[in-house]
C-alpha atoms as a PDB file:
ATOM      1  CA  UNK A   1    -228.767   9.479-237.908  1.00  0.00           C
ATOM      2  CA  UNK A   2    -232.431   9.699-237.082  1.00  0.00           C
ATOM      3  CA  UNK A   3    -234.711  11.949-235.101  1.00  0.00           C
ATOM      4  CA  UNK A   4    -237.589  11.300-232.737  1.00  0.00           C
ATOM      5  CA  UNK A   5    -240.223  11.756-235.450  1.00  0.00           C
ATOM      6  CA  UNK A   6    -238.845   8.735-237.335  1.00  0.00           C
ATOM      7  CA  UNK A   7    -238.494   6.472-234.274  1.00  0.00           C
ATOM      8  CA  UNK A   8    -241.389   4.041-234.057  1.00  0.00           C
ATOM      9  CA  UNK A   9    -239.977   1.919-231.243  1.00  0.00           C
ATOM     10  CA  UNK A  10    -237.138   1.632-228.754  1.00  0.00           C
ATOM     11  CA  UNK A  11    -234.911  -1.329-227.950  1.00  0.00           C
ATOM     12  CA  UNK A  12    -234.760  -2.131-224.250  1.00  0.00           C
ATOM     13  CA  UNK A  13    -231.719  -3.688-222.607  1.00  0.00           C
ATOM     14  CA  UNK A  14    -232.070  -7.479-222.414  1.00  0.00           C
ATOM     15  CA  UNK A  15    -231.816  -8.870-218.897  1.00  0.00           C
ATOM     16  CA  UNK A  16    -229.446 -11.643-220.029  1.00  0.00           C
ATOM     17  CA  UNK A  17    -227.476 -12.815-223.038  1.00  0.00           C
ATOM     18  CA  UNK A  18    -228.861 -16.338-223.317  1.00  0.00           C
ATOM     19  CA  UNK A  19    -232.378 -17.706-223.613  1.00  0.00           C
ATOM     20  CA  UNK A  20    -231.902 -19.840-220.482  1.00  0.00           C
ATOM     21  CA  UNK A  21    -230.970 -16.823-218.381  1.00  0.00           C
ATOM     22  CA  UNK A  22    -233.843 -14.851-219.919  1.00  0.00           C
ATOM     23  CA  UNK A  23    -236.245 -17.549-218.731  1.00  0.00           C
ATOM     24  CA  UNK A  24    -234.605 -17.447-215.307  1.00  0.00           C
ATOM     25  CA  UNK A  25    -235.235 -13.704-215.101  1.00  0.00           C
ATOM     26  CA  UNK A  26    -238.811 -14.276-216.243  1.00  0.00           C
ATOM     27  CA  UNK A  27    -239.321 -16.733-213.363  1.00  0.00           C
ATOM     28  CA  UNK A  28    -237.716 -14.264-210.927  1.00  0.00           C
ATOM     29  CA  UNK A  29    -240.020 -11.426-212.002  1.00  0.00           C
ATOM     30  CA  UNK A  30    -242.977 -13.790-211.970  1.00  0.00           C
ATOM     31  CA  UNK A  31    -242.171 -14.736-208.381  1.00  0.00           C
ATOM     32  CA  UNK A  32    -241.878 -11.081-207.376  1.00  0.00           C
ATOM     33  CA  UNK A  33    -245.210 -10.307-209.050  1.00  0.00           C
ATOM     34  CA  UNK A  34    -246.951 -13.267-207.415  1.00  0.00           C
ATOM     35  CA  UNK A  35    -245.676 -12.043-204.055  1.00  0.00           C
ATOM     36  CA  UNK A  36    -246.273  -8.305-204.504  1.00  0.00           C
ATOM     37  CA  UNK A  37    -249.653  -8.154-206.226  1.00  0.00           C
ATOM     38  CA  UNK A  38    -251.663 -10.366-203.818  1.00  0.00           C
ATOM     39  CA  UNK A  39    -249.867  -8.919-200.764  1.00  0.00           C
ATOM     40  CA  UNK A  40    -250.627  -5.315-201.682  1.00  0.00           C
ATOM     41  CA  UNK A  41    -254.138  -6.330-202.725  1.00  0.00           C
ATOM     42  CA  UNK A  42    -254.702  -7.949-199.323  1.00  0.00           C
ATOM     43  CA  UNK A  43    -253.570  -4.792-197.526  1.00  0.00           C
ATOM     44  CA  UNK A  44    -255.932  -2.665-199.619  1.00  0.00           C
ATOM     45  CA  UNK A  45    -258.820  -5.070-198.946  1.00  0.00           C
ATOM     46  CA  UNK A  46    -258.067  -5.361-195.219  1.00  0.00           C
ATOM     47  CA  UNK A  47    -257.899  -1.589-194.700  1.00  0.00           C
ATOM     48  CA  UNK A  48    -260.974  -0.931-196.862  1.00  0.00           C
ATOM     49  CA  UNK A  49    -263.083  -3.613-195.139  1.00  0.00           C
ATOM     50  CA  UNK A  50    -261.804  -3.271-191.569  1.00  0.00           C
ATOM     51  CA  UNK A  51    -263.594  -0.314-189.991  1.00  0.00           C
ATOM     52  CA  UNK A  52    -261.214  -0.331-187.003  1.00  0.00           C
ATOM     53  CA  UNK A  53    -258.384   0.338-189.498  1.00  0.00           C
ATOM     54  CA  UNK A  54    -259.955   3.551-190.768  1.00  0.00           C
ATOM     55  CA  UNK A  55    -257.239   5.672-189.165  1.00  0.00           C
ATOM     56  CA  UNK A  56    -254.745   8.076-190.796  1.00  0.00           C
ATOM     57  CA  UNK A  57    -251.852   5.591-190.629  1.00  0.00           C
ATOM     58  CA  UNK A  58    -253.774   2.809-192.383  1.00  0.00           C
ATOM     59  CA  UNK A  59    -255.390   5.236-194.828  1.00  0.00           C
ATOM     60  CA  UNK A  60    -251.944   6.309-195.997  1.00  0.00           C
ATOM     61  CA  UNK A  61    -250.811   2.671-196.007  1.00  0.00           C
ATOM     62  CA  UNK A  62    -253.689   1.870-198.379  1.00  0.00           C
ATOM     63  CA  UNK A  63    -252.495   4.650-200.695  1.00  0.00           C
ATOM     64  CA  UNK A  64    -248.936   3.349-200.434  1.00  0.00           C
ATOM     65  CA  UNK A  65    -250.114  -0.132-201.449  1.00  0.00           C
ATOM     66  CA  UNK A  66    -251.855   1.379-204.482  1.00  0.00           C
ATOM     67  CA  UNK A  67    -248.638   3.116-205.547  1.00  0.00           C
ATOM     68  CA  UNK A  68    -246.714  -0.142-205.012  1.00  0.00           C
ATOM     69  CA  UNK A  69    -249.144  -1.966-207.292  1.00  0.00           C
ATOM     70  CA  UNK A  70    -248.710   0.747-209.896  1.00  0.00           C
ATOM     71  CA  UNK A  71    -244.893   0.556-209.783  1.00  0.00           C
ATOM     72  CA  UNK A  72    -244.901  -3.221-210.210  1.00  0.00           C
ATOM     73  CA  UNK A  73    -247.501  -3.233-213.003  1.00  0.00           C
ATOM     74  CA  UNK A  74    -245.720  -0.485-214.971  1.00  0.00           C
ATOM     75  CA  UNK A  75    -242.319  -2.100-215.456  1.00  0.00           C
ATOM     76  CA  UNK A  76    -242.437  -5.801-214.594  1.00  0.00           C
ATOM     77  CA  UNK A  77    -245.013  -7.141-217.133  1.00  0.00           C
ATOM     78  CA  UNK A  78    -243.117  -5.716-220.123  1.00  0.00           C
ATOM     79  CA  UNK A  79    -239.818  -7.088-218.776  1.00  0.00           C
ATOM     80  CA  UNK A  80    -241.448 -10.499-218.319  1.00  0.00           C
ATOM     81  CA  UNK A  81    -242.878 -10.389-221.859  1.00  0.00           C
ATOM     82  CA  UNK A  82    -239.511  -9.485-223.367  1.00  0.00           C
ATOM     83  CA  UNK A  83    -237.706 -12.203-221.388  1.00  0.00           C
ATOM     84  CA  UNK A  84    -240.246 -14.879-222.303  1.00  0.00           C
ATOM     85  CA  UNK A  85    -240.378 -14.054-226.005  1.00  0.00           C
ATOM     86  CA  UNK A  86    -236.702 -13.051-226.306  1.00  0.00           C
ATOM     87  CA  UNK A  87    -237.456  -9.592-227.692  1.00  0.00           C
ATOM     88  CA  UNK A  88    -236.383  -6.039-226.849  1.00  0.00           C
ATOM     89  CA  UNK A  89    -239.019  -3.903-228.556  1.00  0.00           C
ATOM     90  CA  UNK A  90    -241.268  -1.306-226.951  1.00  0.00           C
ATOM     91  CA  UNK A  91    -243.261   1.135-229.046  1.00  0.00           C
ATOM     92  CA  UNK A  92    -242.576   4.868-228.927  1.00  0.00           C
ATOM     93  CA  UNK A  93    -245.975   5.573-227.363  1.00  0.00           C
ATOM     94  CA  UNK A  94    -245.594   2.583-225.064  1.00  0.00           C
ATOM     95  CA  UNK A  95    -242.260   3.930-223.874  1.00  0.00           C
ATOM     96  CA  UNK A  96    -243.764   7.358-223.193  1.00  0.00           C
ATOM     97  CA  UNK A  97    -246.662   5.775-221.287  1.00  0.00           C
ATOM     98  CA  UNK A  98    -244.316   3.564-219.275  1.00  0.00           C
ATOM     99  CA  UNK A  99    -242.112   6.510-218.348  1.00  0.00           C
ATOM    100  CA  UNK A 100    -245.109   8.615-217.330  1.00  0.00           C
ATOM    101  CA  UNK A 101    -246.739   5.972-215.137  1.00  0.00           C
ATOM    102  CA  UNK A 102    -243.461   4.934-213.522  1.00  0.00           C
ATOM    103  CA  UNK A 103    -242.639   8.549-212.637  1.00  0.00           C
ATOM    104  CA  UNK A 104    -246.214   9.060-211.439  1.00  0.00           C
ATOM    105  CA  UNK A 105    -246.289   6.083-209.073  1.00  0.00           C
ATOM    106  CA  UNK A 106    -242.704   6.367-207.811  1.00  0.00           C
ATOM    107  CA  UNK A 107    -243.136  10.103-207.113  1.00  0.00           C
ATOM    108  CA  UNK A 108    -246.479   9.563-205.374  1.00  0.00           C
ATOM    109  CA  UNK A 109    -244.890   6.812-203.269  1.00  0.00           C
ATOM    110  CA  UNK A 110    -242.126   9.113-202.073  1.00  0.00           C
ATOM    111  CA  UNK A 111    -244.567  11.884-201.195  1.00  0.00           C
ATOM    112  CA  UNK A 112    -246.798   9.381-199.382  1.00  0.00           C
ATOM    113  CA  UNK A 113    -243.815   8.129-197.361  1.00  0.00           C
ATOM    114  CA  UNK A 114    -243.108  11.741-196.382  1.00  0.00           C
ATOM    115  CA  UNK A 115    -246.715  12.210-195.271  1.00  0.00           C
ATOM    116  CA  UNK A 116    -246.597   8.956-193.298  1.00  0.00           C
ATOM    117  CA  UNK A 117    -243.505  10.289-191.544  1.00  0.00           C
ATOM    118  CA  UNK A 118    -245.508  13.387-190.607  1.00  0.00           C
ATOM    119  CA  UNK A 119    -248.229  11.092-189.252  1.00  0.00           C
ATOM    120  CA  UNK A 120    -245.670   9.374-186.985  1.00  0.00           C
ATOM    121  CA  UNK A 121    -244.303  12.749-185.902  1.00  0.00           C
ATOM    122  CA  UNK A 122    -247.708  14.111-184.899  1.00  0.00           C
ATOM    123  CA  UNK A 123    -248.650  10.826-183.208  1.00  0.00           C
ATOM    124  CA  UNK A 124    -245.675  10.940-180.822  1.00  0.00           C
ATOM    125  CA  UNK A 125    -244.686  14.602-180.620  1.00  0.00           C
ATOM    126  CA  UNK A 126    -248.083  16.312-180.740  1.00  0.00           C
ATOM    127  CA  UNK A 127    -250.569  13.629-179.574  1.00  0.00           C
ATOM    128  CA  UNK A 128    -253.046  16.146-178.150  1.00  0.00           C
ATOM    129  CA  UNK A 129    -253.375  17.783-181.579  1.00  0.00           C
ATOM    130  CA  UNK A 130    -253.524  14.532-183.554  1.00  0.00           C
ATOM    131  CA  UNK A 131    -257.270  14.671-184.221  1.00  0.00           C
ATOM    132  CA  UNK A 132    -257.018  18.273-185.393  1.00  0.00           C
ATOM    133  CA  UNK A 133    -253.899  17.983-187.550  1.00  0.00           C
ATOM    134  CA  UNK A 134    -254.823  14.620-189.060  1.00  0.00           C
ATOM    135  CA  UNK A 135    -258.597  14.625-189.337  1.00  0.00           C
ATOM    136  CA  UNK A 136    -260.307  12.782-192.179  1.00  0.00           C
ATOM    137  CA  UNK A 137    -260.491  15.908-194.347  1.00  0.00           C
ATOM    138  CA  UNK A 138    -256.823  16.764-193.762  1.00  0.00           C
ATOM    139  CA  UNK A 139    -255.762  13.186-194.577  1.00  0.00           C
ATOM    140  CA  UNK A 140    -257.791  13.201-197.783  1.00  0.00           C
ATOM    141  CA  UNK A 141    -256.259  16.524-198.807  1.00  0.00           C
ATOM    142  CA  UNK A 142    -252.704  15.322-198.099  1.00  0.00           C
ATOM    143  CA  UNK A 143    -253.208  12.072-200.031  1.00  0.00           C
ATOM    144  CA  UNK A 144    -254.749  13.991-202.940  1.00  0.00           C
ATOM    145  CA  UNK A 145    -251.801  16.403-202.870  1.00  0.00           C
ATOM    146  CA  UNK A 146    -249.345  13.477-203.026  1.00  0.00           C
ATOM    147  CA  UNK A 147    -251.095  11.938-206.042  1.00  0.00           C
ATOM    148  CA  UNK A 148    -251.540  15.310-207.772  1.00  0.00           C
ATOM    149  CA  UNK A 149    -247.868  16.195-207.202  1.00  0.00           C
ATOM    150  CA  UNK A 150    -246.832  12.826-208.604  1.00  0.00           C
ATOM    151  CA  UNK A 151    -249.050  13.374-211.646  1.00  0.00           C
ATOM    152  CA  UNK A 152    -247.657  16.865-212.311  1.00  0.00           C
ATOM    153  CA  UNK A 153    -244.104  15.673-211.754  1.00  0.00           C
ATOM    154  CA  UNK A 154    -244.552  12.788-214.197  1.00  0.00           C
ATOM    155  CA  UNK A 155    -246.329  14.943-216.785  1.00  0.00           C
ATOM    156  CA  UNK A 156    -243.605  17.601-216.828  1.00  0.00           C
ATOM    157  CA  UNK A 157    -240.777  15.083-217.154  1.00  0.00           C
ATOM    158  CA  UNK A 158    -242.526  12.957-219.783  1.00  0.00           C
ATOM    159  CA  UNK A 159    -243.571  15.908-221.935  1.00  0.00           C
ATOM    160  CA  UNK A 160    -240.140  17.478-221.742  1.00  0.00           C
ATOM    161  CA  UNK A 161    -238.205  14.257-222.370  1.00  0.00           C
ATOM    162  CA  UNK A 162    -240.218  13.220-225.412  1.00  0.00           C
ATOM    163  CA  UNK A 163    -240.134  16.720-226.913  1.00  0.00           C
ATOM    164  CA  UNK A 164    -236.368  16.363-227.405  1.00  0.00           C
ATOM    165  CA  UNK A 165    -235.003  15.369-230.826  1.00  0.00           C
ATOM    166  CA  UNK A 166    -233.387  11.935-230.684  1.00  0.00           C
ATOM    167  CA  UNK A 167    -230.607  11.173-233.146  1.00  0.00           C
ATOM    168  CA  UNK A 168    -228.372   8.619-231.447  1.00  0.00           C
ATOM    169  CA  UNK A 169    -230.349   5.524-232.330  1.00  0.00           C
ATOM    170  CA  UNK A 170    -233.133   3.904-230.346  1.00  0.00           C
ATOM    171  CA  UNK A 171    -231.316   1.482-228.003  1.00  0.00           C
ATOM    172  CA  UNK A 172    -231.871   2.152-224.297  1.00  0.00           C
ATOM    173  CA  UNK A 173    -229.434   0.942-221.664  1.00  0.00           C
ATOM    174  CA  UNK A 174    -232.170  -0.146-219.256  1.00  0.00           C
ATOM    175  CA  UNK A 175    -234.885  -2.821-219.119  1.00  0.00           C
ATOM    176  CA  UNK A 176    -237.600  -0.147-219.020  1.00  0.00           C
ATOM    177  CA  UNK A 177    -237.904   3.435-220.244  1.00  0.00           C
ATOM    178  CA  UNK A 178    -235.935   5.645-217.868  1.00  0.00           C
ATOM    179  CA  UNK A 179    -235.190   9.343-218.330  1.00  0.00           C
ATOM    180  CA  UNK A 180    -231.349   9.314-218.160  1.00  0.00           C
ATOM    181  CA  UNK A 181    -231.117   6.625-220.837  1.00  0.00           C
ATOM    182  CA  UNK A 182    -233.508   8.473-223.161  1.00  0.00           C
ATOM    183  CA  UNK A 183    -231.503  11.689-222.675  1.00  0.00           C
ATOM    184  CA  UNK A 184    -228.396   9.852-223.898  1.00  0.00           C
ATOM    185  CA  UNK A 185    -230.117   9.518-227.282  1.00  0.00           C
ATOM    186  CA  UNK A 186    -230.718  13.267-227.583  1.00  0.00           C
ATOM    187  CA  UNK A 187    -228.598  15.390-229.896  1.00  0.00           C
ATOM    188  CA  UNK A 188    -230.046  18.729-228.793  1.00  0.00           C
ATOM    189  CA  UNK A 189    -228.769  21.199-226.235  1.00  0.00           C
ATOM    190  CA  UNK A 190    -232.363  21.347-225.001  1.00  0.00           C
ATOM    191  CA  UNK A 191    -231.594  18.264-222.899  1.00  0.00           C
ATOM    192  CA  UNK A 192    -230.254  20.815-220.391  1.00  0.00           C
ATOM    193  CA  UNK A 193    -233.887  21.794-219.824  1.00  0.00           C
ATOM    194  CA  UNK A 194    -234.679  18.265-218.685  1.00  0.00           C
ATOM    195  CA  UNK A 195    -231.556  18.221-216.534  1.00  0.00           C
ATOM    196  CA  UNK A 196    -232.818  21.439-214.958  1.00  0.00           C
ATOM    197  CA  UNK A 197    -236.104  19.699-214.158  1.00  0.00           C
ATOM    198  CA  UNK A 198    -234.163  16.777-212.712  1.00  0.00           C
ATOM    199  CA  UNK A 199    -232.206  19.212-210.519  1.00  0.00           C
ATOM    200  CA  UNK A 200    -235.490  20.674-209.217  1.00  0.00           C
ATOM    201  CA  UNK A 201    -236.701  17.134-208.528  1.00  0.00           C
ATOM    202  CA  UNK A 202    -233.498  16.352-206.620  1.00  0.00           C
ATOM    203  CA  UNK A 203    -234.002  19.475-204.485  1.00  0.00           C
ATOM    204  CA  UNK A 204    -237.577  18.399-203.769  1.00  0.00           C
ATOM    205  CA  UNK A 205    -236.431  14.891-202.838  1.00  0.00           C
ATOM    206  CA  UNK A 206    -233.714  16.293-200.566  1.00  0.00           C
ATOM    207  CA  UNK A 207    -236.242  18.623-198.937  1.00  0.00           C
ATOM    208  CA  UNK A 208    -238.525  15.702-198.127  1.00  0.00           C
ATOM    209  CA  UNK A 209    -235.543  13.704-196.876  1.00  0.00           C
ATOM    210  CA  UNK A 210    -234.420  16.499-194.532  1.00  0.00           C
ATOM    211  CA  UNK A 211    -237.994  16.754-193.228  1.00  0.00           C
ATOM    212  CA  UNK A 212    -238.059  13.003-192.542  1.00  0.00           C
ATOM    213  CA  UNK A 213    -234.695  13.084-190.762  1.00  0.00           C
ATOM    214  CA  UNK A 214    -235.815  16.001-188.601  1.00  0.00           C
ATOM    215  CA  UNK A 215    -239.114  14.249-187.830  1.00  0.00           C
ATOM    216  CA  UNK A 216    -237.426  11.018-186.762  1.00  0.00           C
ATOM    217  CA  UNK A 217    -234.966  12.873-184.534  1.00  0.00           C
ATOM    218  CA  UNK A 218    -237.972  14.407-182.751  1.00  0.00           C
ATOM    219  CA  UNK A 219    -239.786  11.044-182.682  1.00  0.00           C
ATOM    220  CA  UNK A 220    -236.834   9.228-181.094  1.00  0.00           C
ATOM    221  CA  UNK A 221    -236.477  11.979-178.515  1.00  0.00           C
ATOM    222  CA  UNK A 222    -240.159  11.609-177.651  1.00  0.00           C
ATOM    223  CA  UNK A 223    -239.954   7.805-177.540  1.00  0.00           C
ATOM    224  CA  UNK A 224    -237.004   7.917-175.110  1.00  0.00           C
ATOM    225  CA  UNK A 225    -239.216   9.844-172.694  1.00  0.00           C
ATOM    226  CA  UNK A 226    -241.905   7.121-172.699  1.00  0.00           C
ATOM    227  CA  UNK A 227    -241.651   5.246-169.377  1.00  0.00           C
ATOM    228  CA  UNK A 228    -243.855   2.227-170.103  1.00  0.00           C
ATOM    229  CA  UNK A 229    -242.929  -0.863-172.058  1.00  0.00           C
ATOM    230  CA  UNK A 230    -246.333  -0.754-173.785  1.00  0.00           C
ATOM    231  CA  UNK A 231    -245.558   2.737-175.063  1.00  0.00           C
ATOM    232  CA  UNK A 232    -242.234   1.564-176.445  1.00  0.00           C
ATOM    233  CA  UNK A 233    -243.945  -1.353-178.199  1.00  0.00           C
ATOM    234  CA  UNK A 234    -246.496   1.000-179.773  1.00  0.00           C
ATOM    235  CA  UNK A 235    -243.727   3.307-180.927  1.00  0.00           C
ATOM    236  CA  UNK A 236    -241.702   0.523-182.518  1.00  0.00           C
ATOM    237  CA  UNK A 237    -244.710  -1.173-184.163  1.00  0.00           C
ATOM    238  CA  UNK A 238    -245.821   2.175-185.629  1.00  0.00           C
ATOM    239  CA  UNK A 239    -242.553   3.760-186.729  1.00  0.00           C
ATOM    240  CA  UNK A 240    -240.091   0.939-187.399  1.00  0.00           C
ATOM    241  CA  UNK A 241    -241.959  -0.405-190.475  1.00  0.00           C
ATOM    242  CA  UNK A 242    -242.093   3.072-191.962  1.00  0.00           C
ATOM    243  CA  UNK A 243    -238.436   3.691-191.172  1.00  0.00           C
ATOM    244  CA  UNK A 244    -237.471   0.360-192.780  1.00  0.00           C
ATOM    245  CA  UNK A 245    -239.463   1.124-195.939  1.00  0.00           C
ATOM    246  CA  UNK A 246    -238.047   4.655-196.201  1.00  0.00           C
ATOM    247  CA  UNK A 247    -234.482   3.407-195.661  1.00  0.00           C
ATOM    248  CA  UNK A 248    -234.837   0.719-198.332  1.00  0.00           C
ATOM    249  CA  UNK A 249    -236.429   3.105-200.830  1.00  0.00           C
ATOM    250  CA  UNK A 250    -234.001   5.991-200.324  1.00  0.00           C
ATOM    251  CA  UNK A 251    -230.799   3.946-200.040  1.00  0.00           C
ATOM    252  CA  UNK A 252    -231.404   1.975-203.244  1.00  0.00           C
ATOM    253  CA  UNK A 253    -232.625   5.049-205.154  1.00  0.00           C
ATOM    254  CA  UNK A 254    -229.662   7.140-203.974  1.00  0.00           C
ATOM    255  CA  UNK A 255    -227.152   4.468-204.946  1.00  0.00           C
ATOM    256  CA  UNK A 256    -228.786   4.172-208.373  1.00  0.00           C
ATOM    257  CA  UNK A 257    -228.416   7.921-208.948  1.00  0.00           C
ATOM    258  CA  UNK A 258    -225.038   8.573-207.332  1.00  0.00           C
ATOM    259  CA  UNK A 259    -222.987   5.464-208.130  1.00  0.00           C
ATOM    260  CA  UNK A 260    -219.705   6.481-209.823  1.00  0.00           C
ATOM    261  CA  UNK A 261    -219.493   5.961-213.605  1.00  0.00           C
ATOM    262  CA  UNK A 262    -216.282   3.974-213.119  1.00  0.00           C
ATOM    263  CA  UNK A 263    -218.234   1.094-211.525  1.00  0.00           C
ATOM    264  CA  UNK A 264    -221.148   1.314-213.928  1.00  0.00           C
ATOM    265  CA  UNK A 265    -222.008  -1.618-216.172  1.00  0.00           C
ATOM    266  CA  UNK A 266    -225.237  -2.805-217.836  1.00  0.00           C
ATOM    267  CA  UNK A 267    -225.682  -5.697-215.398  1.00  0.00           C
ATOM    268  CA  UNK A 268    -225.008  -3.491-212.367  1.00  0.00           C
ATOM    269  CA  UNK A 269    -227.354  -0.779-213.664  1.00  0.00           C
ATOM    270  CA  UNK A 270    -230.148  -3.324-214.086  1.00  0.00           C
ATOM    271  CA  UNK A 271    -229.533  -4.833-210.649  1.00  0.00           C
ATOM    272  CA  UNK A 272    -229.552  -1.446-208.919  1.00  0.00           C
ATOM    273  CA  UNK A 273    -232.676  -0.355-210.803  1.00  0.00           C
ATOM    274  CA  UNK A 274    -234.481  -3.529-209.748  1.00  0.00           C
ATOM    275  CA  UNK A 275    -233.493  -2.751-206.155  1.00  0.00           C
ATOM    276  CA  UNK A 276    -235.205   0.645-206.105  1.00  0.00           C
ATOM    277  CA  UNK A 277    -238.073   0.109-208.574  1.00  0.00           C
ATOM    278  CA  UNK A 278    -239.192  -3.483-207.955  1.00  0.00           C
ATOM    279  CA  UNK A 279    -237.914  -4.729-204.589  1.00  0.00           C
ATOM    280  CA  UNK A 280    -239.384  -2.011-202.276  1.00  0.00           C
ATOM    281  CA  UNK A 281    -242.957  -2.356-203.643  1.00  0.00           C
ATOM    282  CA  UNK A 282    -242.665  -6.112-203.171  1.00  0.00           C
ATOM    283  CA  UNK A 283    -241.262  -5.907-199.620  1.00  0.00           C
ATOM    284  CA  UNK A 284    -243.414  -3.078-198.254  1.00  0.00           C
ATOM    285  CA  UNK A 285    -246.434  -5.304-197.468  1.00  0.00           C
ATOM    286  CA  UNK A 286    -244.204  -7.844-195.726  1.00  0.00           C
ATOM    287  CA  UNK A 287    -242.496  -5.171-193.607  1.00  0.00           C
ATOM    288  CA  UNK A 288    -245.770  -3.588-192.500  1.00  0.00           C
ATOM    289  CA  UNK A 289    -247.672  -6.828-191.921  1.00  0.00           C
ATOM    290  CA  UNK A 290    -244.890  -8.346-189.801  1.00  0.00           C
ATOM    291  CA  UNK A 291    -244.575  -5.368-187.463  1.00  0.00           C
ATOM    292  CA  UNK A 292    -248.193  -4.285-187.022  1.00  0.00           C
ATOM    293  CA  UNK A 293    -250.442  -6.513-184.932  1.00  0.00           C
ATOM    294  CA  UNK A 294    -253.642  -4.727-185.974  1.00  0.00           C
ATOM    295  CA  UNK A 295    -252.892  -5.310-189.634  1.00  0.00           C
ATOM    296  CA  UNK A 296    -251.978  -8.966-189.014  1.00  0.00           C
ATOM    297  CA  UNK A 297    -255.277  -9.503-187.192  1.00  0.00           C
ATOM    298  CA  UNK A 298    -257.222  -7.811-190.004  1.00  0.00           C
ATOM    299  CA  UNK A 299    -255.475  -9.912-192.662  1.00  0.00           C
ATOM    300  CA  UNK A 300    -256.108 -13.087-190.671  1.00  0.00           C
ATOM    301  CA  UNK A 301    -259.791 -12.208-190.339  1.00  0.00           C
ATOM    302  CA  UNK A 302    -260.044 -11.401-194.045  1.00  0.00           C
ATOM    303  CA  UNK A 303    -258.458 -14.719-195.017  1.00  0.00           C
ATOM    304  CA  UNK A 304    -260.728 -16.615-192.596  1.00  0.00           C
ATOM    305  CA  UNK A 305    -263.841 -15.017-194.093  1.00  0.00           C
ATOM    306  CA  UNK A 306    -262.622 -15.826-197.598  1.00  0.00           C
ATOM    307  CA  UNK A 307    -262.040 -19.521-196.857  1.00  0.00           C
ATOM    308  CA  UNK A 308    -265.361 -19.808-195.037  1.00  0.00           C
ATOM    309  CA  UNK A 309    -267.179 -18.521-198.121  1.00  0.00           C
ATOM    310  CA  UNK A 310    -265.296 -20.905-200.394  1.00  0.00           C
END
């Protein structure tokens, strides 16, 4: 038996049992990183450099790309390192830092997706008030609120989780530091405090989800009243990417949290976690760039300028 004061490191769950499969997972994560990092970086550069993209929708998309980069860089590099060198170790402080930054970026991403839903709602349901409700100052305040909420959310969970005494070893059943797997190591009834925080977080997530559902019901009602084909195209190019990203993010995250224990296994847990923590940040740029002509034109122009200079 040991407690948290004597734990210097944790043991993460290996992605595979053999060295060959470990290398295969390393190549898989490397491919995801090589796709996600440049793609999100291109979106950030295109929105920052393209003055015609300085609108609320693209401003929030830039913030979403930043959170995607953060999610990928928090979990994937350590998993790649462990797969390549066939190790499981992560230091106690490294685990706390990884948990904090993952919670920070994933929470900020969810809040940003909620704000982007509000942007779609105002754009189609209250177009005459768009400039007032989503002016530059209001957008800056909403983005700052999303990041600040993510920071506070991550800080509370990290501080509370790592204040618990741990006496059930140091082996985690996940490939990165995740709250439920750290709580399994606790031998204190104070873990109920963290579960209480998790319950508050679930209520917050459900509140945002209900808001998004209500917003999209109103959006679809407004879209059905648009007579022109051009209006329909604008509606689909604006809202469908966001709806696809939200659906992917929420469906994978919900399945990860609510899957029955009877079907749980280490390999399934890892697969589901990859689906909600790694896949959405990698696919978001592809979803948005394929559906939005303005963004495709900006990316094409950015790439042309780059190749002309080199």
